[in-house]
């Protein structure tokens, strides 16, 4: 089974950004498994999907029993948020001089309010 995550493809796309947190996405995956009658599964993810597979396996190791994470190795929990070093490297697109000084990086772009539109 290769589903789209919420907000992609033909799925529903809630407007509230809070609807896209890891707990909601985990609930979506567990709900799909339940609907299909699966008790355990292997996860495959690429890029952001790879990050999500690591999180789901950590949250529910009894259900998500193996991970194939393409392009994103497991790095454990960092001392800072995932975005903090990216903001330091590329500038904060939401900061006071954002438009003039920040360089584009897709992970930071996806956190902009207008990116959800």
N, C-alpha and C. Protein backbone atom coordinates (compact mmCIF):
# COMPACT_ATOMS: atom_id res chain seq x y z
N UNK A 1 0.86 -1.17 0.00
CA UNK A 1 0.00 0.00 0.00
C UNK A 1 0.90 1.23 0.00
N UNK A 2 0.62 2.17 -0.84
CA UNK A 2 1.42 3.38 -0.94
C UNK A 2 0.50 4.60 -0.92
N UNK A 3 0.08 5.02 0.27
CA UNK A 3 -0.88 6.13 0.36
C UNK A 3 -0.20 7.50 0.29
N UNK A 4 -0.97 8.48 -0.11
CA UNK A 4 -0.54 9.87 0.02
C UNK A 4 -0.75 10.29 1.47
N UNK A 5 0.12 11.13 1.98
CA UNK A 5 -0.12 11.72 3.30
C UNK A 5 -1.15 12.82 3.14
N UNK A 6 -1.79 13.18 4.23
CA UNK A 6 -2.81 14.23 4.18
C UNK A 6 -2.23 15.49 3.55
N UNK A 7 -3.05 16.10 2.70
CA UNK A 7 -2.63 17.31 2.01
C UNK A 7 -1.97 17.06 0.67
N UNK A 8 -1.71 15.81 0.33
CA UNK A 8 -1.07 15.47 -0.95
C UNK A 8 -2.04 14.68 -1.82
N UNK A 9 -1.78 14.69 -3.12
CA UNK A 9 -2.60 13.90 -4.04
C UNK A 9 -4.07 14.26 -3.91
N UNK A 10 -4.91 13.28 -3.86
CA UNK A 10 -6.35 13.51 -3.76
C UNK A 10 -6.89 13.46 -2.35
N UNK A 11 -6.00 13.59 -1.35
CA UNK A 11 -6.45 13.51 0.04
C UNK A 11 -7.10 14.82 0.47
N UNK A 12 -7.76 14.77 1.63
CA UNK A 12 -8.27 16.01 2.20
C UNK A 12 -7.07 16.86 2.63
N UNK A 13 -7.26 18.14 2.65
CA UNK A 13 -6.18 19.06 3.01
C UNK A 13 -6.70 20.07 4.03
N UNK A 14 -6.69 19.68 5.31
CA UNK A 14 -7.15 20.61 6.33
C UNK A 14 -6.38 21.94 6.25
N UNK A 15 -7.08 23.04 6.50
CA UNK A 15 -6.43 24.35 6.42
C UNK A 15 -5.51 24.62 7.60
N UNK A 16 -5.88 24.14 8.77
CA UNK A 16 -5.09 24.41 9.98
C UNK A 16 -3.77 23.64 9.92
N UNK A 17 -2.67 24.36 10.04
CA UNK A 17 -1.36 23.71 9.97
C UNK A 17 -1.16 22.72 11.12
N UNK A 18 -1.86 22.91 12.24
CA UNK A 18 -1.75 21.98 13.36
C UNK A 18 -2.23 20.59 12.99
N UNK A 19 -2.99 20.47 11.93
CA UNK A 19 -3.50 19.17 11.49
C UNK A 19 -2.44 18.33 10.79
N UNK A 20 -1.25 18.86 10.64
CA UNK A 20 -0.18 18.15 9.94
C UNK A 20 0.96 17.74 10.86
N UNK A 21 0.72 17.69 12.16
CA UNK A 21 1.80 17.31 13.08
C UNK A 21 2.01 15.79 13.06
N UNK A 22 3.08 15.34 13.66
CA UNK A 22 3.46 13.92 13.61
C UNK A 22 2.40 13.04 14.26
N UNK A 23 1.69 13.54 15.25
CA UNK A 23 0.67 12.74 15.92
C UNK A 23 -0.54 12.51 15.00
N UNK A 24 -0.93 13.52 14.27
CA UNK A 24 -2.04 13.38 13.30
C UNK A 24 -1.63 12.42 12.18
N UNK A 25 -0.40 12.57 11.69
CA UNK A 25 0.06 11.69 10.61
C UNK A 25 0.18 10.24 11.09
N UNK A 26 0.59 10.05 12.34
CA UNK A 26 0.64 8.71 12.91
C UNK A 26 -0.77 8.14 12.99
N UNK A 27 -1.73 8.96 13.41
CA UNK A 27 -3.12 8.52 13.47
C UNK A 27 -3.64 8.12 12.11
N UNK A 28 -3.25 8.87 11.08
CA UNK A 28 -3.66 8.52 9.71
C UNK A 28 -3.12 7.15 9.33
N UNK A 29 -1.84 6.92 9.61
CA UNK A 29 -1.21 5.64 9.26
C UNK A 29 -1.85 4.49 10.03
N UNK A 30 -2.08 4.68 11.32
CA UNK A 30 -2.71 3.64 12.13
C UNK A 30 -4.14 3.39 11.67
N UNK A 31 -4.87 4.45 11.32
CA UNK A 31 -6.23 4.30 10.83
C UNK A 31 -6.29 3.52 9.53
N UNK A 32 -5.35 3.80 8.63
CA UNK A 32 -5.30 3.09 7.36
C UNK A 32 -5.00 1.60 7.59
N UNK A 33 -4.04 1.34 8.46
CA UNK A 33 -3.72 -0.05 8.76
C UNK A 33 -4.92 -0.78 9.35
N UNK A 34 -5.61 -0.14 10.25
CA UNK A 34 -6.80 -0.72 10.86
C UNK A 34 -7.87 -1.00 9.80
N UNK A 35 -8.10 -0.04 8.92
CA UNK A 35 -9.11 -0.20 7.87
C UNK A 35 -8.77 -1.35 6.93
N UNK A 36 -7.48 -1.60 6.72
CA UNK A 36 -7.04 -2.67 5.82
C UNK A 36 -6.85 -4.01 6.55
N UNK A 37 -6.99 -3.99 7.87
CA UNK A 37 -6.86 -5.21 8.65
C UNK A 37 -5.44 -5.64 8.95
N UNK A 38 -4.48 -4.72 8.83
CA UNK A 38 -3.09 -5.04 9.13
C UNK A 38 -2.78 -4.78 10.60
N UNK A 39 -1.92 -5.63 11.17
CA UNK A 39 -1.49 -5.46 12.56
C UNK A 39 -0.08 -4.87 12.66
N UNK A 40 0.75 -5.18 11.66
CA UNK A 40 2.14 -4.71 11.62
C UNK A 40 2.47 -4.33 10.18
N UNK A 41 3.47 -3.47 10.04
CA UNK A 41 3.89 -3.15 8.67
C UNK A 41 5.32 -2.63 8.65
N UNK A 42 5.85 -2.62 7.44
CA UNK A 42 7.15 -2.03 7.12
C UNK A 42 6.87 -0.66 6.52
N UNK A 43 7.63 0.34 6.91
CA UNK A 43 7.46 1.69 6.37
C UNK A 43 8.57 2.01 5.39
N UNK A 44 8.21 2.66 4.31
CA UNK A 44 9.19 3.16 3.34
C UNK A 44 8.90 4.64 3.16
N UNK A 45 9.91 5.47 3.28
CA UNK A 45 9.72 6.90 3.10
C UNK A 45 10.94 7.55 2.48
N UNK A 46 10.70 8.66 1.78
CA UNK A 46 11.77 9.42 1.15
C UNK A 46 11.68 10.87 1.60
N UNK A 47 12.82 11.47 1.91
CA UNK A 47 12.91 12.86 2.30
C UNK A 47 12.06 13.12 3.54
N UNK A 48 11.07 14.01 3.49
CA UNK A 48 10.21 14.24 4.66
C UNK A 48 9.53 12.95 5.08
N UNK A 49 9.15 12.13 4.10
CA UNK A 49 8.53 10.84 4.41
C UNK A 49 9.47 9.93 5.17
N UNK A 50 10.76 10.00 4.87
CA UNK A 50 11.75 9.20 5.61
C UNK A 50 11.82 9.67 7.06
N UNK A 51 11.82 10.98 7.25
CA UNK A 51 11.81 11.51 8.62
C UNK A 51 10.58 10.99 9.36
N UNK A 52 9.43 11.01 8.68
CA UNK A 52 8.21 10.54 9.31
C UNK A 52 8.28 9.05 9.63
N UNK A 53 8.87 8.24 8.77
CA UNK A 53 8.97 6.81 9.07
C UNK A 53 9.76 6.56 10.35
N UNK A 54 10.84 7.33 10.53
CA UNK A 54 11.62 7.19 11.77
C UNK A 54 10.75 7.53 12.98
N UNK A 55 10.00 8.60 12.88
CA UNK A 55 9.16 9.03 14.01
C UNK A 55 8.08 8.00 14.32
N UNK A 56 7.42 7.48 13.29
CA UNK A 56 6.36 6.49 13.50
C UNK A 56 6.92 5.22 14.13
N UNK A 57 8.07 4.77 13.68
CA UNK A 57 8.68 3.57 14.24
C UNK A 57 9.08 3.79 15.70
N UNK A 58 9.51 4.98 16.04
CA UNK A 58 9.85 5.28 17.44
C UNK A 58 8.60 5.37 18.31
N UNK A 59 7.52 5.91 17.75
CA UNK A 59 6.27 6.08 18.51
C UNK A 59 5.53 4.76 18.69
N UNK A 60 5.57 3.89 17.69
CA UNK A 60 4.80 2.65 17.69
C UNK A 60 5.65 1.47 17.19
N UNK A 61 6.70 1.10 17.94
CA UNK A 61 7.60 0.04 17.46
C UNK A 61 6.93 -1.33 17.35
N UNK A 62 5.84 -1.54 18.07
CA UNK A 62 5.13 -2.80 17.98
C UNK A 62 4.31 -2.92 16.70
N UNK A 63 4.02 -1.81 16.06
CA UNK A 63 3.22 -1.78 14.83
C UNK A 63 4.10 -1.59 13.60
N UNK A 64 4.96 -0.59 13.65
CA UNK A 64 5.85 -0.28 12.53
C UNK A 64 7.19 -0.96 12.82
N UNK A 65 7.33 -2.16 12.30
CA UNK A 65 8.42 -3.05 12.73
C UNK A 65 9.71 -2.92 11.94
N UNK A 66 9.69 -2.21 10.81
CA UNK A 66 10.90 -2.01 10.03
C UNK A 66 10.77 -0.71 9.25
N UNK A 67 11.92 -0.11 8.95
CA UNK A 67 11.96 1.18 8.27
C UNK A 67 12.93 1.11 7.09
N UNK A 68 12.49 1.63 5.97
CA UNK A 68 13.37 1.87 4.82
C UNK A 68 13.30 3.38 4.58
N UNK A 69 14.29 4.09 5.08
CA UNK A 69 14.32 5.55 4.99
C UNK A 69 15.29 5.95 3.89
N UNK A 70 14.75 6.44 2.81
CA UNK A 70 15.60 6.81 1.67
C UNK A 70 15.98 8.27 1.75
N UNK A 71 17.25 8.55 1.73
CA UNK A 71 17.89 9.87 1.71
C UNK A 71 17.99 10.55 3.07
N UNK A 72 17.42 9.97 4.12
CA UNK A 72 17.49 10.61 5.44
C UNK A 72 17.88 9.55 6.47
N UNK A 73 19.15 9.52 6.87
CA UNK A 73 19.55 8.54 7.89
C UNK A 73 19.03 8.94 9.26
N UNK A 74 18.89 7.97 10.13
CA UNK A 74 18.46 8.26 11.50
C UNK A 74 19.60 8.96 12.23
N UNK A 75 19.30 10.06 12.85
CA UNK A 75 20.33 10.81 13.56
C UNK A 75 20.02 10.99 15.03
N UNK A 76 18.97 10.37 15.52
CA UNK A 76 18.59 10.54 16.91
C UNK A 76 17.97 11.90 17.13
N UNK A 77 17.69 12.19 18.37
CA UNK A 77 17.11 13.48 18.71
C UNK A 77 18.23 14.49 18.87
N UNK A 78 18.13 15.59 18.16
CA UNK A 78 19.16 16.61 18.22
C UNK A 78 19.05 17.49 19.46
N UNK A 79 20.10 18.23 19.73
CA UNK A 79 20.08 19.16 20.85
C UNK A 79 19.23 20.38 20.54
N UNK A 80 19.07 20.67 19.26
CA UNK A 80 18.22 21.78 18.81
C UNK A 80 17.18 21.22 17.87
N UNK A 81 16.20 22.01 17.54
CA UNK A 81 15.18 21.56 16.59
C UNK A 81 15.82 21.30 15.24
N UNK A 82 15.16 20.54 14.42
CA UNK A 82 15.65 20.25 13.08
C UNK A 82 15.85 21.53 12.28
N UNK A 83 14.99 22.50 12.49
CA UNK A 83 15.03 23.73 11.70
C UNK A 83 16.05 24.75 12.19
N UNK A 84 16.46 24.68 13.44
CA UNK A 84 17.38 25.68 14.00
C UNK A 84 18.68 25.80 13.19
N UNK A 85 19.38 24.69 12.90
CA UNK A 85 20.61 24.85 12.11
C UNK A 85 20.33 25.29 10.67
N UNK A 86 19.18 24.93 10.15
CA UNK A 86 18.84 25.38 8.79
C UNK A 86 18.60 26.89 8.76
N UNK A 87 17.96 27.41 9.81
CA UNK A 87 17.74 28.86 9.90
C UNK A 87 19.07 29.58 10.05
N UNK A 88 19.99 28.98 10.79
CA UNK A 88 21.30 29.60 10.97
C UNK A 88 22.06 29.64 9.64
N UNK A 89 21.96 28.56 8.87
CA UNK A 89 22.67 28.46 7.60
C UNK A 89 22.04 29.32 6.50
N UNK A 90 20.71 29.30 6.40
CA UNK A 90 20.02 29.95 5.29
C UNK A 90 19.35 31.27 5.66
N UNK A 91 19.31 31.59 6.94
CA UNK A 91 18.56 32.76 7.39
C UNK A 91 17.15 32.35 7.75
N UNK A 92 16.52 33.12 8.59
CA UNK A 92 15.16 32.82 9.03
C UNK A 92 14.18 33.54 8.12
N UNK A 93 13.41 32.80 7.29
CA UNK A 93 12.48 33.46 6.38
C UNK A 93 11.36 34.19 7.08
N UNK A 94 11.21 33.97 8.38
CA UNK A 94 10.20 34.69 9.15
C UNK A 94 10.82 35.77 10.03
N UNK A 95 12.13 35.92 9.93
CA UNK A 95 12.84 36.90 10.76
C UNK A 95 12.65 38.32 10.28
N UNK A 96 13.22 39.29 11.01
CA UNK A 96 13.03 40.71 10.71
C UNK A 96 13.56 41.16 9.34
N UNK A 97 14.62 40.52 8.85
CA UNK A 97 15.17 40.88 7.54
C UNK A 97 15.01 39.72 6.56
N UNK A 98 13.93 39.00 6.71
CA UNK A 98 13.73 37.74 5.99
C UNK A 98 13.84 37.85 4.48
N UNK A 99 13.08 38.72 3.90
CA UNK A 99 13.01 38.77 2.44
C UNK A 99 14.34 39.17 1.81
N UNK A 100 15.10 39.99 2.49
CA UNK A 100 16.36 40.49 1.92
C UNK A 100 17.52 39.52 2.11
N UNK A 101 17.55 38.80 3.25
CA UNK A 101 18.75 38.05 3.58
C UNK A 101 18.62 36.54 3.54
N UNK A 102 17.43 36.00 3.72
CA UNK A 102 17.29 34.54 3.77
C UNK A 102 17.41 33.95 2.37
N UNK A 103 18.08 32.81 2.28
CA UNK A 103 18.14 32.09 1.01
C UNK A 103 17.12 30.96 1.05
N UNK A 104 16.63 30.57 -0.10
CA UNK A 104 15.59 29.55 -0.17
C UNK A 104 16.13 28.19 0.25
N UNK A 105 15.37 27.52 1.10
CA UNK A 105 15.58 26.11 1.41
C UNK A 105 14.20 25.52 1.66
N UNK A 106 13.89 24.43 0.98
CA UNK A 106 12.52 23.93 0.96
C UNK A 106 11.94 23.62 2.33
N UNK A 107 12.73 23.11 3.27
CA UNK A 107 12.18 22.79 4.59
C UNK A 107 11.73 24.05 5.31
N UNK A 108 12.48 25.13 5.15
CA UNK A 108 12.08 26.40 5.76
C UNK A 108 10.89 26.99 5.02
N UNK A 109 10.89 26.86 3.70
CA UNK A 109 9.77 27.37 2.91
C UNK A 109 8.45 26.74 3.34
N UNK A 110 8.46 25.43 3.60
CA UNK A 110 7.23 24.73 3.96
C UNK A 110 6.65 25.20 5.29
N UNK A 111 7.41 25.94 6.06
CA UNK A 111 6.92 26.47 7.33
C UNK A 111 6.37 27.89 7.22
N UNK A 112 6.43 28.47 6.04
CA UNK A 112 5.89 29.80 5.84
C UNK A 112 4.36 29.72 5.78
N UNK A 113 3.67 30.70 6.35
CA UNK A 113 2.20 30.68 6.31
C UNK A 113 1.65 30.58 4.89
N UNK A 114 2.26 31.27 3.95
CA UNK A 114 1.75 31.25 2.58
C UNK A 114 2.03 29.94 1.86
N UNK A 115 2.92 29.10 2.40
CA UNK A 115 3.22 27.81 1.75
C UNK A 115 2.05 26.84 1.86
N UNK A 116 1.21 27.04 2.85
CA UNK A 116 0.06 26.14 3.05
C UNK A 116 -1.07 26.45 2.08
N UNK A 117 -0.99 27.56 1.39
CA UNK A 117 -2.10 27.95 0.50
C UNK A 117 -2.14 27.12 -0.74
